[in-house]
Amino acid sequence: MSTYSGVASAWFLRFGAARRATLRLVCFPHAGGGASVFRQWADLVPESIEVIGVQYPGRQNRYGEPVIDDMTVLVDEVVAAVNRELAGPVAFFGHSMGAVVAFEVARRLRGGAPVAVRRLFASAGPAPSARRSLGVHLRDDDGVVAYLRELGGGGAELLENPDIRELTLPMVRGDLRLIETYRYASGEPLTCPVTAIVGDRDHTFTTADARHWVVHTSAGLDVHSLPGGHFYLDDQADRLVPLLVERLLSC
């Protein structure tokens, strides 16, 4: 059963008690995604690792809250929640938009924070310094849906339902605005290793793209490919999570 960290926390969704955990894997969803996408991962990790999903406002249990469509504001909020509610060693996993959010949060947590970021997993997301906006958030509703359909994944199928489309499209558009208006500001690289993961049929993020993450870490980059497209993780949890665990246990 899912519980929230801290007192009535909305930012971090925990899956199980994880009383023996010595490291926390904090997972940042893609644009339009929610923390529940990582629910099954808790059954695939050892007792020493706790899986925590970051829940952005405007979806799932936070549906009634305004969507945050500015990267700086979102990072400010997540960093405050981390400092308030987490401690000890952590690793960040971010998928697509979530990879950049995780990176920016990790940058802000260097030195003096109650947590120590041991590794960043960047999944299906271009390096911050190499991002290019397609202007999808400026398209009409049909244009946004068409783009999501190209990416694939279960979320695109749900948007074929008119009722679901009406409820969720504003949230999706807000997330797209957040990542497409994001501008990387140069700074010191992370001091933790980065692992970049691609789907071998993802035309938006190839192994060549993944190698650009090397400029954002002083501790080394490794790149891995798994079968699938942009949302390879939907079908590859039984291969992806052991990869994450192996890298975490080697930290």
Protein backbone atom coordinates (compact mmCIF):
# COMPACT_ATOMS: atom_id res chain seq x y z
CA MET A 1 0.00 0.00 0.00
CA SER A 2 1.30 3.47 -0.84
CA THR A 3 2.16 5.89 1.93
CA TYR A 4 3.55 9.39 1.90
CA SER A 5 6.82 10.43 3.52
CA GLY A 6 6.82 12.90 6.34
CA VAL A 7 3.58 14.43 7.52
CA ALA A 8 0.90 14.57 4.84
CA SER A 9 3.54 14.90 2.14
CA ALA A 10 2.25 15.20 -1.39
CA TRP A 11 5.62 15.35 -3.12
CA PHE A 12 6.94 11.85 -2.41
CA LEU A 13 4.96 8.69 -2.94
CA ARG A 14 6.44 5.70 -1.16
CA PHE A 15 5.67 2.10 -2.04
CA GLY A 16 5.93 -0.10 1.06
CA ALA A 17 7.63 0.36 4.41
CA ALA A 18 11.27 -0.26 3.32
CA ARG A 19 12.39 -0.35 6.97
CA ARG A 20 15.79 -1.81 6.07
CA ALA A 21 16.56 0.63 3.26
CA THR A 22 19.97 2.29 3.32
CA LEU A 23 19.54 4.10 -0.01
CA ARG A 24 16.55 5.74 -1.66
CA LEU A 25 15.87 5.72 -5.39
CA VAL A 26 13.90 8.90 -6.08
CA CYS A 27 12.10 8.72 -9.44
CA PHE A 28 11.00 11.71 -11.53
CA PRO A 29 8.22 11.06 -14.10
CA HIS A 30 7.98 12.21 -17.71
CA ALA A 31 5.77 15.06 -18.96
CA GLY A 32 2.18 14.09 -18.28
CA GLY A 33 3.27 11.27 -15.97
CA GLY A 34 2.70 10.57 -12.31
CA ALA A 35 4.52 8.84 -9.48
CA SER A 36 2.43 5.68 -9.75
CA VAL A 37 4.35 4.64 -12.89
CA PHE A 38 7.11 3.46 -10.54
CA ARG A 39 4.86 1.47 -8.20
CA GLN A 40 5.88 -2.01 -9.37
CA TRP A 41 9.59 -1.20 -9.00
CA ALA A 42 9.33 -1.64 -5.22
CA ASP A 43 8.85 -5.38 -5.78
CA LEU A 44 11.99 -5.59 -7.93
CA VAL A 45 14.58 -4.01 -5.63
CA PRO A 46 16.35 -5.48 -2.58
CA GLU A 47 15.34 -4.43 0.93
CA SER A 48 18.31 -2.08 1.05
CA ILE A 49 16.75 0.20 -1.61
CA GLU A 50 13.54 2.18 -1.20
CA VAL A 51 11.69 3.38 -4.30
CA ILE A 52 10.09 6.83 -4.02
CA GLY A 53 8.08 8.47 -6.80
CA VAL A 54 8.03 12.25 -7.14
CA GLN A 55 4.46 13.50 -7.58
CA TYR A 56 4.23 16.76 -9.51
CA PRO A 57 1.11 18.87 -8.84
CA GLY A 58 -1.89 18.64 -11.16
CA ARG A 59 -2.24 14.83 -11.50
CA GLN A 60 -3.39 11.72 -9.67
CA ASN A 61 -3.75 12.49 -5.92
CA ARG A 62 -2.70 16.12 -6.65
CA TYR A 63 -5.17 16.64 -9.48
CA GLY A 64 -6.82 19.67 -7.86
CA GLU A 65 -3.56 21.61 -7.58
CA PRO A 66 -2.26 23.97 -10.28
CA VAL A 67 0.28 22.52 -12.68
CA ILE A 68 3.75 24.04 -12.29
CA ASP A 69 4.90 25.06 -15.77
CA ASP A 70 8.18 26.75 -14.83
CA MET A 71 11.32 24.66 -14.21
CA THR A 72 12.80 26.99 -11.59
CA VAL A 73 9.61 26.95 -9.54
CA LEU A 74 9.29 23.17 -9.74
CA VAL A 75 12.92 22.61 -8.76
CA ASP A 76 12.57 25.06 -5.85
CA GLU A 77 9.60 23.07 -4.56
CA VAL A 78 11.22 19.65 -4.95
CA VAL A 79 14.48 20.80 -3.33
CA ALA A 80 12.54 22.19 -0.37
CA ALA A 81 10.69 18.88 -0.02
CA VAL A 82 13.94 16.90 -0.21
CA ASN A 83 15.58 19.04 2.47
CA ARG A 84 12.50 18.76 4.64
CA GLU A 85 11.74 15.07 4.28
CA LEU A 86 14.73 13.02 3.09
CA ALA A 87 18.18 12.33 4.50
CA GLY A 88 21.13 10.12 3.73
CA PRO A 89 22.26 8.67 0.39
CA VAL A 90 19.90 8.87 -2.58
CA ALA A 91 19.98 8.21 -6.30
CA PHE A 92 17.79 9.99 -8.84
CA PHE A 93 16.06 8.38 -11.82
CA GLY A 94 14.40 10.71 -14.32
CA HIS A 95 12.55 9.72 -17.48
CA SER A 96 12.37 12.18 -20.39
CA MET A 97 11.39 15.54 -18.85
CA GLY A 98 12.10 13.96 -15.47
CA ALA A 99 15.77 13.51 -16.37
CA VAL A 100 16.25 17.28 -16.55
CA VAL A 101 14.21 17.92 -13.41
CA ALA A 102 16.30 15.33 -11.55
CA PHE A 103 19.52 16.90 -12.85
CA GLU A 104 18.53 20.40 -11.74
CA VAL A 105 17.49 19.15 -8.31
CA ALA A 106 20.80 17.27 -7.98
CA ARG A 107 22.72 20.44 -8.91
CA ARG A 108 20.99 22.34 -6.14
CA LEU A 109 21.73 19.69 -3.52
CA ARG A 110 25.50 19.83 -3.71
CA GLY A 111 27.21 20.66 -0.42
CA GLY A 112 25.51 21.08 2.93
CA ALA A 113 22.31 19.24 2.00
CA PRO A 114 20.91 16.48 4.24
CA VAL A 115 21.08 14.08 1.29
CA ALA A 116 23.99 12.87 -0.80
CA VAL A 117 23.20 12.12 -4.45
CA ARG A 118 25.13 8.97 -5.36
CA ARG A 119 24.06 8.58 -9.01
CA LEU A 120 21.80 10.13 -11.62
CA PHE A 121 19.96 7.88 -14.07
CA ALA A 122 18.97 9.85 -17.18
CA SER A 123 16.37 7.88 -19.14
CA ALA A 124 15.17 8.90 -22.61
CA GLY A 125 16.06 12.52 -21.94
CA PRO A 126 18.60 14.68 -23.80
CA ALA A 127 21.37 16.32 -21.78
CA PRO A 128 20.34 19.75 -20.45
CA SER A 129 22.94 21.55 -22.57
CA ALA A 130 21.77 19.76 -25.73
CA ARG A 131 18.00 20.24 -25.45
CA ARG A 132 16.06 21.77 -28.34
CA SER A 133 12.43 22.87 -28.12
CA LEU A 134 9.96 21.62 -30.72
CA GLY A 135 7.31 24.10 -29.61
CA VAL A 136 4.78 21.33 -29.00
CA HIS A 137 3.15 23.21 -26.13
CA LEU A 138 2.18 25.95 -28.63
CA ARG A 139 0.27 23.57 -30.89
CA ASP A 140 -3.49 23.09 -30.74
CA ASP A 141 -4.93 20.11 -28.87
CA ASP A 142 -4.85 17.84 -31.91
CA GLY A 143 -1.22 18.76 -32.50
CA VAL A 144 -0.24 17.91 -28.92
CA VAL A 145 -2.08 14.59 -29.11
CA ALA A 146 -0.43 13.77 -32.43
CA TYR A 147 3.00 14.38 -30.90
CA LEU A 148 2.22 12.14 -27.93
CA ARG A 149 0.95 9.47 -30.28
CA GLU A 150 4.30 9.54 -32.08
CA LEU A 151 6.10 8.94 -28.79
CA GLY A 152 3.84 6.00 -27.94
CA GLY A 153 3.13 4.74 -24.45
CA GLY A 154 -0.14 4.10 -22.66
CA GLY A 155 -0.80 7.78 -21.99
CA ALA A 156 -1.24 8.50 -25.69
CA GLU A 157 -3.86 5.77 -25.95
CA LEU A 158 -5.81 7.19 -23.02
CA LEU A 159 -6.02 10.58 -24.73
CA GLU A 160 -8.12 8.99 -27.46
CA ASN A 161 -10.93 9.00 -24.89
CA PRO A 162 -12.61 12.45 -25.11
CA ASP A 163 -13.37 12.65 -21.38
CA ILE A 164 -9.84 11.73 -20.33
CA ARG A 165 -8.43 14.06 -22.97
CA GLU A 166 -10.41 17.00 -21.59
CA LEU A 167 -9.25 16.29 -18.04
CA THR A 168 -5.59 15.61 -18.68
CA LEU A 169 -4.53 17.64 -21.71
CA PRO A 170 -4.09 20.92 -19.77
CA MET A 171 -1.72 19.12 -17.39
CA VAL A 172 0.24 17.61 -20.28
CA ARG A 173 0.48 20.98 -22.01
CA GLY A 174 1.74 22.58 -18.78
CA ASP A 175 4.47 19.96 -18.46
CA LEU A 176 5.47 20.45 -22.09
CA ARG A 177 5.62 24.21 -21.53
CA LEU A 178 7.88 23.63 -18.53
CA ILE A 179 10.43 21.51 -20.40
CA GLU A 180 10.26 23.44 -23.69
CA THR A 181 10.84 26.83 -22.05
CA TYR A 182 13.67 25.47 -19.90
CA ARG A 183 17.05 26.97 -20.64
CA TYR A 184 20.20 25.37 -19.28
CA ALA A 185 22.49 27.67 -17.31
CA SER A 186 26.12 26.57 -17.36
CA GLY A 187 27.72 25.61 -14.08
CA GLU A 188 29.87 23.05 -12.33
CA PRO A 189 29.16 19.44 -13.33
CA LEU A 190 27.67 16.92 -10.93
CA THR A 191 30.14 15.06 -8.76
CA CYS A 192 28.16 11.82 -8.96
CA PRO A 193 28.24 9.38 -11.92
CA VAL A 194 25.54 9.57 -14.59
CA THR A 195 23.99 6.51 -16.22
CA ALA A 196 22.09 7.27 -19.44
CA ILE A 197 19.54 4.74 -20.70
CA VAL A 198 17.93 4.67 -24.14
CA GLY A 199 15.27 2.63 -25.86
CA ASP A 200 16.83 1.12 -28.98
CA ARG A 201 13.88 2.27 -31.13
CA ASP A 202 13.55 5.76 -29.62
CA HIS A 203 14.18 8.28 -32.40
CA THR A 204 14.09 11.17 -29.87
CA PHE A 205 17.03 9.96 -27.78
CA THR A 206 19.73 7.75 -29.24
CA THR A 207 22.97 6.42 -27.78
CA ALA A 208 24.76 9.27 -29.58
CA ASP A 209 22.48 11.75 -27.81
CA ALA A 210 23.07 10.00 -24.49
CA ARG A 211 26.81 10.59 -24.70
CA HIS A 212 26.22 14.35 -24.37
CA TRP A 213 25.50 13.77 -20.69
CA VAL A 214 29.25 13.36 -20.15
CA VAL A 215 29.70 17.13 -19.90
CA HIS A 216 27.38 17.23 -16.88
CA THR A 217 29.40 14.97 -14.59
CA SER A 218 32.95 14.84 -13.30
CA ALA A 219 32.50 11.25 -12.11
CA GLY A 220 31.95 9.37 -15.36
CA LEU A 221 29.14 8.37 -17.72
CA ASP A 222 27.93 4.95 -18.79
CA VAL A 223 25.31 4.40 -21.49
CA HIS A 224 22.91 1.46 -21.81
CA SER A 225 20.31 0.47 -24.40
CA LEU A 226 17.16 -1.57 -23.76
CA PRO A 227 14.56 -2.84 -26.24
CA GLY A 228 11.75 -0.42 -27.02
CA GLY A 229 10.84 3.11 -27.94
CA HIS A 230 10.59 6.29 -25.90
CA PHE A 231 8.54 4.52 -23.24
CA TYR A 232 10.64 1.36 -23.20
CA LEU A 233 10.35 1.28 -19.38
CA ASP A 234 6.65 0.38 -19.62
CA ASP A 235 7.59 -3.10 -20.83
CA GLN A 236 11.16 -3.49 -19.60
CA ALA A 237 10.93 -3.08 -15.82
CA ASP A 238 12.24 -6.61 -15.31
CA ARG A 239 15.41 -5.63 -17.19
CA LEU A 240 15.65 -1.95 -16.28
CA VAL A 241 15.34 -2.23 -12.50
CA PRO A 242 18.08 -4.90 -12.14
CA LEU A 243 20.33 -2.61 -14.21
CA LEU A 244 19.62 0.25 -11.79
CA VAL A 245 20.23 -1.98 -8.78
CA GLU A 246 23.53 -3.23 -10.18
CA ARG A 247 24.74 0.32 -10.73
CA LEU A 248 23.55 1.40 -7.27
CA LEU A 249 25.25 -1.48 -5.48
CA SER A 250 28.49 -0.54 -7.20
CA CYS A 251 28.41 3.04 -5.88
